[in-house]
Amino acid sequence: MNLNDILERIRKKCREQNCIDVINEIDLRIESGSTGSEITAMVGKYLVDLKQLNSALYKSLENEILYYLQYCKEYGIIIS
């Protein structure tokens, strides 16, 4: 599974839970990044921050978020 697949699963779950604002925030980070690694890091940081911003949504996305972070780590992008 690649990052696009993971993000699509996240978008689907957000739509199911009527969290369109989260999709918009992810898209904003994708549009505002200059390089692939910058975009990956900004999206990853936002996904990590969801734990504080919307803990219920974070819990439902936790597997996808952990997979995203693991993928990042494998390619040398560390997100804390």
Foldseek 3Di string as FASTA:
>chain_A
DDPVVLVVVLVVLCVVVVNVVLVVLLVVLCVPDDDPLSSLQVSLQVLVCCCVVPVVSNVVSVVSSVVSQVVCVVVPRHHD
